[in-house]
N, C-alpha and C. Protein backbone atom coordinates (compact mmCIF):
# COMPACT_ATOMS: atom_id res chain seq x y z
N MET A 1 -13.46 -26.10 31.18
CA MET A 1 -12.31 -25.74 30.38
C MET A 1 -11.60 -24.57 31.05
N SER A 2 -10.28 -24.67 31.10
CA SER A 2 -9.50 -23.61 31.73
C SER A 2 -9.27 -22.45 30.76
N LEU A 3 -8.94 -21.30 31.31
CA LEU A 3 -8.61 -20.14 30.50
C LEU A 3 -7.41 -20.44 29.61
N TYR A 4 -6.43 -21.17 30.14
CA TYR A 4 -5.24 -21.52 29.37
C TYR A 4 -5.62 -22.32 28.12
N LEU A 5 -6.50 -23.32 28.27
CA LEU A 5 -6.92 -24.13 27.11
C LEU A 5 -7.70 -23.30 26.10
N LEU A 6 -8.50 -22.37 26.58
CA LEU A 6 -9.22 -21.48 25.67
C LEU A 6 -8.24 -20.62 24.87
N LEU A 7 -7.24 -20.05 25.56
CA LEU A 7 -6.22 -19.26 24.87
C LEU A 7 -5.45 -20.10 23.86
N LYS A 8 -5.14 -21.33 24.25
CA LYS A 8 -4.41 -22.24 23.36
C LYS A 8 -5.23 -22.55 22.11
N PHE A 9 -6.52 -22.82 22.28
CA PHE A 9 -7.40 -23.06 21.14
C PHE A 9 -7.41 -21.86 20.21
N LEU A 10 -7.60 -20.67 20.77
CA LEU A 10 -7.63 -19.45 19.94
C LEU A 10 -6.29 -19.22 19.26
N HIS A 11 -5.21 -19.50 19.97
CA HIS A 11 -3.87 -19.35 19.42
C HIS A 11 -3.68 -20.25 18.19
N VAL A 12 -4.06 -21.51 18.32
CA VAL A 12 -3.92 -22.45 17.21
C VAL A 12 -4.84 -22.05 16.05
N LEU A 13 -6.06 -21.64 16.36
CA LEU A 13 -7.01 -21.21 15.33
C LEU A 13 -6.45 -20.01 14.55
N LEU A 14 -5.91 -19.04 15.27
CA LEU A 14 -5.33 -17.87 14.61
C LEU A 14 -4.10 -18.23 13.78
N ALA A 15 -3.31 -19.18 14.25
CA ALA A 15 -2.15 -19.64 13.48
C ALA A 15 -2.61 -20.29 12.17
N ILE A 16 -3.68 -21.06 12.25
CA ILE A 16 -4.22 -21.69 11.04
C ILE A 16 -4.67 -20.61 10.05
N ILE A 17 -5.35 -19.59 10.55
CA ILE A 17 -5.82 -18.50 9.69
C ILE A 17 -4.64 -17.76 9.07
N ALA A 18 -3.71 -17.33 9.90
CA ALA A 18 -2.58 -16.52 9.40
C ALA A 18 -1.73 -17.31 8.41
N VAL A 19 -1.28 -18.47 8.81
CA VAL A 19 -0.41 -19.27 7.95
C VAL A 19 -1.19 -19.78 6.74
N GLY A 20 -2.44 -20.15 6.94
CA GLY A 20 -3.26 -20.64 5.84
C GLY A 20 -3.46 -19.60 4.75
N PHE A 21 -3.81 -18.39 5.15
CA PHE A 21 -3.96 -17.33 4.14
C PHE A 21 -2.63 -17.08 3.44
N ASN A 22 -1.55 -16.99 4.21
CA ASN A 22 -0.23 -16.77 3.59
C ASN A 22 0.12 -17.88 2.61
N ALA A 23 -0.22 -19.10 2.95
CA ALA A 23 0.08 -20.24 2.07
C ALA A 23 -0.72 -20.17 0.77
N SER A 24 -1.83 -19.42 0.75
CA SER A 24 -2.63 -19.32 -0.47
C SER A 24 -2.06 -18.30 -1.45
N TYR A 25 -1.19 -17.41 -1.01
CA TYR A 25 -0.70 -16.35 -1.90
C TYR A 25 0.00 -16.89 -3.15
N PRO A 26 0.87 -17.90 -3.04
CA PRO A 26 1.49 -18.42 -4.28
C PRO A 26 0.45 -18.98 -5.26
N ILE A 27 -0.64 -19.50 -4.75
CA ILE A 27 -1.70 -20.02 -5.64
C ILE A 27 -2.34 -18.86 -6.40
N TRP A 28 -2.66 -17.79 -5.68
CA TRP A 28 -3.21 -16.60 -6.32
C TRP A 28 -2.24 -16.06 -7.37
N LEU A 29 -0.96 -15.97 -6.98
CA LEU A 29 0.04 -15.40 -7.90
C LEU A 29 0.24 -16.27 -9.13
N ASN A 30 0.20 -17.57 -8.96
CA ASN A 30 0.32 -18.48 -10.09
C ASN A 30 -0.86 -18.33 -11.05
N ARG A 31 -2.04 -18.21 -10.49
CA ARG A 31 -3.23 -18.00 -11.33
C ARG A 31 -3.10 -16.68 -12.10
N ALA A 32 -2.60 -15.65 -11.43
CA ALA A 32 -2.44 -14.35 -12.09
C ALA A 32 -1.41 -14.42 -13.21
N ARG A 33 -0.34 -15.21 -13.00
CA ARG A 33 0.68 -15.36 -14.05
C ARG A 33 0.10 -16.04 -15.29
N HIS A 34 -0.78 -17.01 -15.07
CA HIS A 34 -1.36 -17.73 -16.19
C HIS A 34 -2.55 -17.00 -16.82
N GLU A 35 -3.14 -16.10 -16.06
CA GLU A 35 -4.28 -15.31 -16.55
C GLU A 35 -4.03 -13.84 -16.20
N PRO A 36 -3.13 -13.18 -16.95
CA PRO A 36 -2.74 -11.79 -16.61
C PRO A 36 -3.91 -10.82 -16.52
N GLU A 37 -4.99 -11.12 -17.21
CA GLU A 37 -6.14 -10.21 -17.14
C GLU A 37 -6.77 -10.19 -15.75
N HIS A 38 -6.42 -11.17 -14.91
CA HIS A 38 -6.94 -11.23 -13.54
C HIS A 38 -5.89 -10.86 -12.49
N SER A 39 -4.75 -10.35 -12.94
CA SER A 39 -3.64 -10.03 -12.03
C SER A 39 -4.04 -9.00 -10.97
N LEU A 40 -4.74 -7.97 -11.39
CA LEU A 40 -5.12 -6.93 -10.43
C LEU A 40 -6.05 -7.50 -9.36
N TYR A 41 -7.02 -8.29 -9.79
CA TYR A 41 -7.94 -8.91 -8.84
C TYR A 41 -7.18 -9.80 -7.85
N ALA A 42 -6.24 -10.60 -8.36
CA ALA A 42 -5.47 -11.50 -7.51
C ALA A 42 -4.63 -10.72 -6.50
N LEU A 43 -3.92 -9.70 -6.97
CA LEU A 43 -3.07 -8.92 -6.06
C LEU A 43 -3.89 -8.16 -5.02
N GLN A 44 -5.02 -7.61 -5.44
CA GLN A 44 -5.89 -6.93 -4.48
C GLN A 44 -6.49 -7.92 -3.49
N GLY A 45 -6.75 -9.13 -3.94
CA GLY A 45 -7.23 -10.18 -3.03
C GLY A 45 -6.20 -10.53 -1.99
N ILE A 46 -4.96 -10.68 -2.42
CA ILE A 46 -3.87 -10.96 -1.49
C ILE A 46 -3.74 -9.82 -0.48
N LYS A 47 -3.79 -8.60 -0.96
CA LYS A 47 -3.66 -7.43 -0.08
C LYS A 47 -4.79 -7.42 0.96
N THR A 48 -6.00 -7.74 0.54
CA THR A 48 -7.13 -7.79 1.46
C THR A 48 -6.94 -8.88 2.51
N LEU A 49 -6.57 -10.09 2.06
CA LEU A 49 -6.35 -11.20 3.00
C LEU A 49 -5.23 -10.86 3.98
N ASP A 50 -4.17 -10.23 3.48
CA ASP A 50 -3.03 -9.90 4.33
C ASP A 50 -3.40 -8.84 5.36
N ASP A 51 -4.02 -7.76 4.89
CA ASP A 51 -4.32 -6.63 5.77
C ASP A 51 -5.45 -6.91 6.76
N ARG A 52 -6.45 -7.66 6.34
CA ARG A 52 -7.65 -7.82 7.18
C ARG A 52 -7.71 -9.12 7.96
N PHE A 53 -6.92 -10.11 7.55
CA PHE A 53 -7.00 -11.40 8.22
C PHE A 53 -5.66 -11.87 8.75
N ALA A 54 -4.68 -12.07 7.85
CA ALA A 54 -3.40 -12.66 8.26
C ALA A 54 -2.67 -11.77 9.26
N ASN A 55 -2.48 -10.50 8.94
CA ASN A 55 -1.71 -9.62 9.83
C ASN A 55 -2.38 -9.43 11.20
N PRO A 56 -3.70 -9.18 11.25
CA PRO A 56 -4.33 -9.12 12.57
C PRO A 56 -4.20 -10.44 13.34
N ALA A 57 -4.28 -11.57 12.63
CA ALA A 57 -4.13 -12.86 13.30
C ALA A 57 -2.72 -12.99 13.89
N TYR A 58 -1.71 -12.57 13.13
CA TYR A 58 -0.34 -12.61 13.65
C TYR A 58 -0.19 -11.74 14.90
N ALA A 59 -0.82 -10.57 14.91
CA ALA A 59 -0.74 -9.69 16.08
C ALA A 59 -1.39 -10.35 17.29
N LEU A 60 -2.55 -10.95 17.09
CA LEU A 60 -3.22 -11.62 18.21
C LEU A 60 -2.47 -12.87 18.66
N LEU A 61 -1.77 -13.52 17.73
CA LEU A 61 -0.95 -14.68 18.10
C LEU A 61 0.09 -14.30 19.14
N LEU A 62 0.71 -13.14 18.95
CA LEU A 62 1.71 -12.68 19.91
C LEU A 62 1.06 -12.47 21.28
N VAL A 63 -0.05 -11.77 21.30
CA VAL A 63 -0.73 -11.48 22.57
C VAL A 63 -1.13 -12.77 23.29
N LEU A 64 -1.76 -13.68 22.57
CA LEU A 64 -2.20 -14.94 23.17
C LEU A 64 -1.01 -15.80 23.57
N GLY A 65 0.01 -15.84 22.74
CA GLY A 65 1.20 -16.63 23.06
C GLY A 65 1.89 -16.13 24.31
N LEU A 66 2.02 -14.81 24.43
CA LEU A 66 2.62 -14.25 25.65
C LEU A 66 1.73 -14.53 26.86
N GLY A 67 0.42 -14.41 26.68
CA GLY A 67 -0.50 -14.71 27.78
C GLY A 67 -0.34 -16.14 28.27
N MET A 68 -0.26 -17.09 27.35
CA MET A 68 -0.08 -18.49 27.75
C MET A 68 1.27 -18.71 28.39
N THR A 69 2.29 -18.05 27.88
CA THR A 69 3.64 -18.19 28.44
C THR A 69 3.66 -17.72 29.89
N PHE A 70 3.06 -16.57 30.14
CA PHE A 70 3.02 -16.04 31.50
C PHE A 70 2.16 -16.92 32.41
N MET A 71 1.02 -17.38 31.89
CA MET A 71 0.14 -18.23 32.70
C MET A 71 0.83 -19.54 33.08
N ALA A 72 1.63 -20.07 32.16
CA ALA A 72 2.31 -21.35 32.42
C ALA A 72 3.61 -21.17 33.18
N GLY A 73 4.02 -19.92 33.39
CA GLY A 73 5.26 -19.66 34.12
C GLY A 73 6.51 -20.02 33.33
N ILE A 74 6.43 -19.97 32.01
CA ILE A 74 7.58 -20.28 31.16
C ILE A 74 8.37 -18.99 30.96
N PRO A 75 9.65 -18.98 31.33
CA PRO A 75 10.45 -17.77 31.15
C PRO A 75 10.62 -17.42 29.67
N LEU A 76 10.63 -16.13 29.37
CA LEU A 76 10.83 -15.69 27.99
C LEU A 76 12.24 -16.03 27.49
N THR A 77 13.13 -16.37 28.42
CA THR A 77 14.48 -16.75 28.04
C THR A 77 14.60 -18.24 27.67
N THR A 78 13.51 -18.98 27.79
CA THR A 78 13.50 -20.38 27.35
C THR A 78 13.81 -20.38 25.85
N PHE A 79 14.71 -21.27 25.42
CA PHE A 79 15.22 -21.23 24.04
C PHE A 79 14.12 -21.09 22.99
N TRP A 80 13.15 -22.00 22.99
CA TRP A 80 12.15 -21.99 21.92
C TRP A 80 11.27 -20.75 21.95
N VAL A 81 11.05 -20.19 23.14
CA VAL A 81 10.26 -18.96 23.26
C VAL A 81 11.08 -17.77 22.76
N ALA A 82 12.31 -17.65 23.24
CA ALA A 82 13.17 -16.53 22.84
C ALA A 82 13.45 -16.55 21.34
N ALA A 83 13.75 -17.73 20.80
CA ALA A 83 14.03 -17.84 19.37
C ALA A 83 12.80 -17.46 18.54
N ALA A 84 11.63 -17.94 18.97
CA ALA A 84 10.40 -17.62 18.26
C ALA A 84 10.10 -16.12 18.32
N LEU A 85 10.37 -15.49 19.46
CA LEU A 85 10.13 -14.05 19.58
C LEU A 85 11.06 -13.25 18.67
N VAL A 86 12.31 -13.65 18.58
CA VAL A 86 13.26 -12.98 17.67
C VAL A 86 12.79 -13.13 16.23
N LEU A 87 12.41 -14.35 15.86
CA LEU A 87 11.91 -14.59 14.51
C LEU A 87 10.61 -13.83 14.24
N TYR A 88 9.77 -13.70 15.26
CA TYR A 88 8.52 -12.96 15.12
C TYR A 88 8.81 -11.48 14.83
N VAL A 89 9.78 -10.91 15.56
CA VAL A 89 10.16 -9.51 15.32
C VAL A 89 10.66 -9.34 13.88
N LEU A 90 11.49 -10.28 13.42
CA LEU A 90 11.97 -10.24 12.04
C LEU A 90 10.82 -10.37 11.04
N LEU A 91 9.85 -11.20 11.37
CA LEU A 91 8.68 -11.37 10.52
C LEU A 91 7.89 -10.07 10.41
N VAL A 92 7.66 -9.43 11.52
CA VAL A 92 6.91 -8.17 11.52
C VAL A 92 7.66 -7.10 10.73
N ILE A 93 8.96 -6.98 10.97
CA ILE A 93 9.76 -5.99 10.24
C ILE A 93 9.73 -6.29 8.75
N GLY A 94 9.95 -7.56 8.38
CA GLY A 94 9.93 -7.93 6.97
C GLY A 94 8.58 -7.70 6.32
N GLY A 95 7.53 -8.01 7.04
CA GLY A 95 6.19 -7.82 6.50
C GLY A 95 5.84 -6.35 6.31
N LEU A 96 6.11 -5.56 7.36
CA LEU A 96 5.75 -4.14 7.31
C LEU A 96 6.68 -3.30 6.43
N ALA A 97 7.97 -3.60 6.48
CA ALA A 97 8.95 -2.78 5.76
C ALA A 97 9.19 -3.25 4.32
N LEU A 98 8.93 -4.53 4.05
CA LEU A 98 9.26 -5.06 2.72
C LEU A 98 8.05 -5.61 1.97
N TYR A 99 7.36 -6.60 2.55
CA TYR A 99 6.32 -7.28 1.79
C TYR A 99 5.13 -6.38 1.47
N SER A 100 4.55 -5.75 2.47
CA SER A 100 3.36 -4.91 2.24
C SER A 100 3.64 -3.75 1.29
N PRO A 101 4.75 -3.01 1.47
CA PRO A 101 5.03 -1.93 0.52
C PRO A 101 5.29 -2.45 -0.90
N THR A 102 5.93 -3.60 -1.02
CA THR A 102 6.19 -4.18 -2.34
C THR A 102 4.87 -4.55 -3.02
N LEU A 103 3.98 -5.16 -2.27
CA LEU A 103 2.68 -5.54 -2.82
C LEU A 103 1.89 -4.30 -3.24
N LYS A 104 1.92 -3.28 -2.43
CA LYS A 104 1.22 -2.03 -2.76
C LYS A 104 1.80 -1.40 -4.02
N SER A 105 3.13 -1.39 -4.12
CA SER A 105 3.79 -0.83 -5.31
C SER A 105 3.52 -1.69 -6.54
N GLN A 106 3.45 -3.00 -6.35
CA GLN A 106 3.18 -3.88 -7.47
C GLN A 106 1.77 -3.63 -8.02
N ILE A 107 0.83 -3.43 -7.13
CA ILE A 107 -0.54 -3.11 -7.56
C ILE A 107 -0.55 -1.80 -8.34
N ALA A 108 0.16 -0.78 -7.83
CA ALA A 108 0.22 0.52 -8.51
C ALA A 108 0.89 0.39 -9.87
N ALA A 109 1.97 -0.37 -9.97
CA ALA A 109 2.66 -0.57 -11.25
C ALA A 109 1.77 -1.29 -12.24
N LEU A 110 1.01 -2.25 -11.76
CA LEU A 110 0.10 -2.99 -12.64
C LEU A 110 -0.99 -2.06 -13.17
N GLU A 111 -1.54 -1.24 -12.29
CA GLU A 111 -2.59 -0.30 -12.72
C GLU A 111 -2.05 0.72 -13.71
N LYS A 112 -0.81 1.13 -13.53
CA LYS A 112 -0.21 2.16 -14.37
C LYS A 112 0.29 1.61 -15.70
N SER A 113 1.00 0.48 -15.66
CA SER A 113 1.73 0.03 -16.86
C SER A 113 1.35 -1.35 -17.37
N GLY A 114 0.58 -2.10 -16.62
CA GLY A 114 0.15 -3.41 -17.08
C GLY A 114 1.06 -4.54 -16.64
N PRO A 115 0.63 -5.79 -16.89
CA PRO A 115 1.35 -6.95 -16.37
C PRO A 115 2.67 -7.27 -17.06
N SER A 116 2.95 -6.64 -18.18
CA SER A 116 4.21 -6.93 -18.87
C SER A 116 5.27 -5.86 -18.65
N SER A 117 4.98 -4.88 -17.79
CA SER A 117 5.95 -3.80 -17.57
C SER A 117 7.14 -4.30 -16.74
N PRO A 118 8.32 -3.77 -17.03
CA PRO A 118 9.51 -4.17 -16.26
C PRO A 118 9.37 -3.87 -14.77
N GLU A 119 8.75 -2.76 -14.43
CA GLU A 119 8.58 -2.39 -13.01
C GLU A 119 7.69 -3.40 -12.30
N PHE A 120 6.60 -3.78 -12.92
CA PHE A 120 5.69 -4.76 -12.34
C PHE A 120 6.41 -6.10 -12.14
N ASN A 121 7.17 -6.52 -13.14
CA ASN A 121 7.89 -7.79 -13.04
C ASN A 121 9.00 -7.74 -11.99
N ARG A 122 9.70 -6.61 -11.90
CA ARG A 122 10.74 -6.46 -10.88
C ARG A 122 10.13 -6.55 -9.48
N LEU A 123 9.03 -5.86 -9.28
CA LEU A 123 8.36 -5.90 -7.98
C LEU A 123 7.80 -7.29 -7.68
N GLY A 124 7.35 -7.99 -8.70
CA GLY A 124 6.87 -9.36 -8.52
C GLY A 124 7.98 -10.28 -8.05
N GLN A 125 9.15 -10.13 -8.65
CA GLN A 125 10.30 -10.95 -8.23
C GLN A 125 10.70 -10.62 -6.80
N ARG A 126 10.72 -9.33 -6.49
CA ARG A 126 11.05 -8.92 -5.11
C ARG A 126 10.03 -9.49 -4.12
N GLY A 127 8.75 -9.39 -4.46
CA GLY A 127 7.71 -9.93 -3.59
C GLY A 127 7.86 -11.43 -3.39
N ASN A 128 8.24 -12.15 -4.45
CA ASN A 128 8.44 -13.59 -4.34
C ASN A 128 9.59 -13.94 -3.40
N VAL A 129 10.69 -13.21 -3.51
CA VAL A 129 11.85 -13.48 -2.65
C VAL A 129 11.52 -13.15 -1.20
N VAL A 130 10.93 -11.97 -0.97
CA VAL A 130 10.57 -11.58 0.39
C VAL A 130 9.55 -12.56 0.95
N GLY A 131 8.56 -12.94 0.16
CA GLY A 131 7.55 -13.89 0.61
C GLY A 131 8.15 -15.23 0.98
N LEU A 132 9.12 -15.69 0.21
CA LEU A 132 9.77 -16.96 0.52
C LEU A 132 10.54 -16.89 1.84
N VAL A 133 11.28 -15.80 2.03
CA VAL A 133 12.05 -15.62 3.28
C VAL A 133 11.10 -15.57 4.48
N LEU A 134 10.00 -14.83 4.34
CA LEU A 134 9.04 -14.73 5.44
C LEU A 134 8.35 -16.07 5.70
N THR A 135 8.13 -16.83 4.64
CA THR A 135 7.53 -18.16 4.81
C THR A 135 8.45 -19.08 5.60
N VAL A 136 9.73 -19.05 5.28
CA VAL A 136 10.70 -19.86 6.03
C VAL A 136 10.71 -19.44 7.49
N ASP A 137 10.66 -18.14 7.74
CA ASP A 137 10.61 -17.61 9.10
C ASP A 137 9.40 -18.18 9.85
N VAL A 138 8.23 -18.13 9.22
CA VAL A 138 7.00 -18.63 9.85
C VAL A 138 7.07 -20.13 10.11
N VAL A 139 7.61 -20.88 9.15
CA VAL A 139 7.70 -22.33 9.32
C VAL A 139 8.62 -22.67 10.51
N ILE A 140 9.69 -21.92 10.67
CA ILE A 140 10.59 -22.15 11.81
C ILE A 140 9.88 -21.82 13.12
N ILE A 141 9.12 -20.74 13.13
CA ILE A 141 8.35 -20.39 14.34
C ILE A 141 7.36 -21.51 14.67
N VAL A 142 6.65 -22.00 13.68
CA VAL A 142 5.68 -23.08 13.93
C VAL A 142 6.42 -24.31 14.46
N PHE A 143 7.57 -24.64 13.88
CA PHE A 143 8.37 -25.76 14.35
C PHE A 143 8.73 -25.57 15.82
N LEU A 144 9.21 -24.39 16.18
CA LEU A 144 9.60 -24.10 17.56
C LEU A 144 8.41 -24.24 18.51
N MET A 145 7.25 -23.76 18.07
CA MET A 145 6.06 -23.82 18.93
C MET A 145 5.57 -25.26 19.13
N VAL A 146 5.70 -26.08 18.11
CA VAL A 146 5.20 -27.44 18.21
C VAL A 146 6.20 -28.36 18.90
N VAL A 147 7.48 -28.27 18.52
CA VAL A 147 8.50 -29.20 19.02
C VAL A 147 9.06 -28.74 20.38
N LYS A 148 9.13 -27.44 20.57
CA LYS A 148 9.67 -26.86 21.83
C LYS A 148 11.07 -27.44 22.17
N PRO A 149 12.00 -27.31 21.22
CA PRO A 149 13.33 -27.87 21.46
C PRO A 149 14.07 -27.12 22.57
N SER A 150 14.90 -27.81 23.29
CA SER A 150 15.73 -27.16 24.30
C SER A 150 17.19 -27.49 24.03
N PHE A 151 17.99 -26.48 24.06
CA PHE A 151 19.44 -26.66 23.81
C PHE A 151 20.23 -26.19 25.02
C-alpha cells in the first residue's frame, strides 16, 4: 500500500467522523426539544462531540488533503481544490466565530434560565441557522472532493 492510499483512507475516515457527528446534532436537538428535561445533557453532548471529535477531524482533514494534493502534484489553483479551500476557511470561521460560541452561550442560558427562556430560544434559533449554513458548506465541500468538477 502506498503512502498516498494510506492518507486517502485516513482522509475519508476522518470525513466520515466529522460529517457523521455533525449530522447527528439535529437528532440530539430534536430529542431535547421533545424532552426539555434532557436539553442540558443533549447540548453538552453536542459540545463534546464537536470539540473532541468533529473539529479535530476537520483540522486533520485539511492536513491530509493538502498532503495528498502535494503528493499527487495537483495545483492548489485547480478549481475543485481552490473552491474547497475557500469553503473550508468559511467553515472554520463560521464554526469558531459563530457556532461554538452560540452553543456555549446556549448552554449557559439553559443553566441560568431554563429551556423556556427567551434567551435560550433565541440562541437555539441562531444555532439552527448557523448549523444549517455550515452544513450546506460541508456538503458542497464533499461534493467537490468526490466529483472534482473542472470549469
